[in-house]
C-alpha atoms as a PDB file:
ATOM      1  CA  UNK A   1     -10.824  -3.431  -1.331  1.00  0.00           C
ATOM      2  CA  UNK A   2      -8.491  -2.309   1.107  1.00  0.00           C
ATOM      3  CA  UNK A   3      -4.879  -0.723   1.763  1.00  0.00           C
ATOM      4  CA  UNK A   4      -2.150  -2.414   3.944  1.00  0.00           C
ATOM      5  CA  UNK A   5      -3.537  -0.383   7.053  1.00  0.00           C
ATOM      6  CA  UNK A   6      -7.174  -1.474   6.500  1.00  0.00           C
ATOM      7  CA  UNK A   7      -8.423   1.761   4.843  1.00  0.00           C
ATOM      8  CA  UNK A   8     -10.888   1.481   1.938  1.00  0.00           C
ATOM      9  CA  UNK A   9      -9.186   1.709  -1.366  1.00  0.00           C
ATOM     10  CA  UNK A  10     -10.922   3.506  -4.233  1.00  0.00           C
ATOM     11  CA  UNK A  11     -10.091   4.119  -7.994  1.00  0.00           C
ATOM     12  CA  UNK A  12      -8.638   7.724  -7.935  1.00  0.00           C
ATOM     13  CA  UNK A  13      -6.993   7.958  -4.827  1.00  0.00           C
ATOM     14  CA  UNK A  14      -3.149   8.913  -4.599  1.00  0.00           C
ATOM     15  CA  UNK A  15      -1.341   5.943  -3.437  1.00  0.00           C
ATOM     16  CA  UNK A  16       2.464   4.702  -2.917  1.00  0.00           C
ATOM     17  CA  UNK A  17       3.369   1.144  -3.641  1.00  0.00           C
ATOM     18  CA  UNK A  18       5.596  -0.465  -1.029  1.00  0.00           C
ATOM     19  CA  UNK A  19       7.905  -3.547  -1.771  1.00  0.00           C
ATOM     20  CA  UNK A  20      10.183  -4.660   1.530  1.00  0.00           C
ATOM     21  CA  UNK A  21       9.244  -1.826   3.419  1.00  0.00           C
ATOM     22  CA  UNK A  22      10.214   0.901   0.741  1.00  0.00           C
ATOM     23  CA  UNK A  23       8.248   2.913  -1.533  1.00  0.00           C
ATOM     24  CA  UNK A  24       8.696   2.195  -5.104  1.00  0.00           C
ATOM     25  CA  UNK A  25       5.923   3.955  -7.123  1.00  0.00           C
ATOM     26  CA  UNK A  26       3.690   6.907  -6.355  1.00  0.00           C
ATOM     27  CA  UNK A  27       0.869   7.757  -8.467  1.00  0.00           C
ATOM     28  CA  UNK A  28      -3.106   7.541  -8.909  1.00  0.00           C
ATOM     29  CA  UNK A  29      -5.077   4.151  -8.469  1.00  0.00           C
ATOM     30  CA  UNK A  30      -7.210   3.051 -11.262  1.00  0.00           C
ATOM     31  CA  UNK A  31      -8.705   0.183 -12.881  1.00  0.00           C
ATOM     32  CA  UNK A  32      -9.034  -1.827  -9.719  1.00  0.00           C
ATOM     33  CA  UNK A  33     -12.035  -4.029  -9.177  1.00  0.00           C
ATOM     34  CA  UNK A  34     -13.749  -4.728  -5.723  1.00  0.00           C
ATOM     35  CA  UNK A  35     -13.165  -7.746  -4.018  1.00  0.00           C
ATOM     36  CA  UNK A  36      -9.610  -8.212  -4.471  1.00  0.00           C
ATOM     37  CA  UNK A  37      -6.938  -6.967  -2.268  1.00  0.00           C
ATOM     38  CA  UNK A  38      -3.919  -8.580  -4.364  1.00  0.00           C
ATOM     39  CA  UNK A  39      -2.734  -7.863  -7.670  1.00  0.00           C
ATOM     40  CA  UNK A  40      -5.521  -5.445  -8.455  1.00  0.00           C
ATOM     41  CA  UNK A  41      -5.571  -2.139 -10.555  1.00  0.00           C
ATOM     42  CA  UNK A  42      -2.692  -0.074 -11.893  1.00  0.00           C
ATOM     43  CA  UNK A  43      -0.811   3.161 -10.818  1.00  0.00           C
ATOM     44  CA  UNK A  44      -0.602   6.110 -13.047  1.00  0.00           C
ATOM     45  CA  UNK A  45       2.704   7.538 -12.258  1.00  0.00           C
ATOM     46  CA  UNK A  46       2.362  11.268 -11.482  1.00  0.00           C
ATOM     47  CA  UNK A  47       5.937  11.851 -10.536  1.00  0.00           C
ATOM     48  CA  UNK A  48       7.636  14.971 -12.189  1.00  0.00           C
ATOM     49  CA  UNK A  49      10.842  14.196 -14.091  1.00  0.00           C
ATOM     50  CA  UNK A  50      12.628  16.685 -11.642  1.00  0.00           C
ATOM     51  CA  UNK A  51      11.531  18.729  -8.704  1.00  0.00           C
ATOM     52  CA  UNK A  52      13.305  20.945  -6.490  1.00  0.00           C
ATOM     53  CA  UNK A  53      14.326  19.674  -2.825  1.00  0.00           C
ATOM     54  CA  UNK A  54      13.916  21.737   0.335  1.00  0.00           C
ATOM     55  CA  UNK A  55      15.500  19.400   2.755  1.00  0.00           C
ATOM     56  CA  UNK A  56      13.155  20.330   5.594  1.00  0.00           C
ATOM     57  CA  UNK A  57      10.259  19.130   3.392  1.00  0.00           C
ATOM     58  CA  UNK A  58      12.167  15.690   2.601  1.00  0.00           C
ATOM     59  CA  UNK A  59      12.567  12.498   4.559  1.00  0.00           C
ATOM     60  CA  UNK A  60      15.185   9.794   3.359  1.00  0.00           C
ATOM     61  CA  UNK A  61      13.445   6.712   2.287  1.00  0.00           C
ATOM     62  CA  UNK A  62      15.154   4.570   5.040  1.00  0.00           C
ATOM     63  CA  UNK A  63      13.495   6.969   7.601  1.00  0.00           C
ATOM     64  CA  UNK A  64      10.146   6.324   6.056  1.00  0.00           C
ATOM     65  CA  UNK A  65      10.898   2.817   5.873  1.00  0.00           C
ATOM     66  CA  UNK A  66      11.582   3.018   9.489  1.00  0.00           C
ATOM     67  CA  UNK A  67       8.226   4.945  10.421  1.00  0.00           C
ATOM     68  CA  UNK A  68       6.379   1.976   8.094  1.00  0.00           C
ATOM     69  CA  UNK A  69       8.078  -0.733  10.175  1.00  0.00           C
ATOM     70  CA  UNK A  70       7.413   0.888  13.639  1.00  0.00           C
ATOM     71  CA  UNK A  71       3.771   1.361  12.500  1.00  0.00           C
ATOM     72  CA  UNK A  72       3.738  -2.570  11.756  1.00  0.00           C
ATOM     73  CA  UNK A  73       3.031  -1.646   8.192  1.00  0.00           C
ATOM     74  CA  UNK A  74       6.723  -2.890   6.832  1.00  0.00           C
ATOM     75  CA  UNK A  75       5.456  -6.296   5.766  1.00  0.00           C
ATOM     76  CA  UNK A  76       2.967  -7.441   3.504  1.00  0.00           C
ATOM     77  CA  UNK A  77       0.014  -9.160   5.169  1.00  0.00           C
ATOM     78  CA  UNK A  78      -0.289 -13.015   4.912  1.00  0.00           C
ATOM     79  CA  UNK A  79      -2.838 -14.018   2.234  1.00  0.00           C
ATOM     80  CA  UNK A  80      -6.473 -14.868   2.844  1.00  0.00           C
END
């Protein structure tokens, strides 16, 4: 199992889910089985309902999408 950037995926990893270059979920990967990079596993969401925001520690989601695109990670890879 591998992430979009080729890194090996393991249950217990903290991950972000991307859709159209946007982050749509954040949590811990679980129940994934080796041998499949598509539709494999679940995300146990760990985001708190409320959190404080120090602007110097934050990025706008559109800027994160731009960083993903510039690293050629904004698009889902073609199926095998």
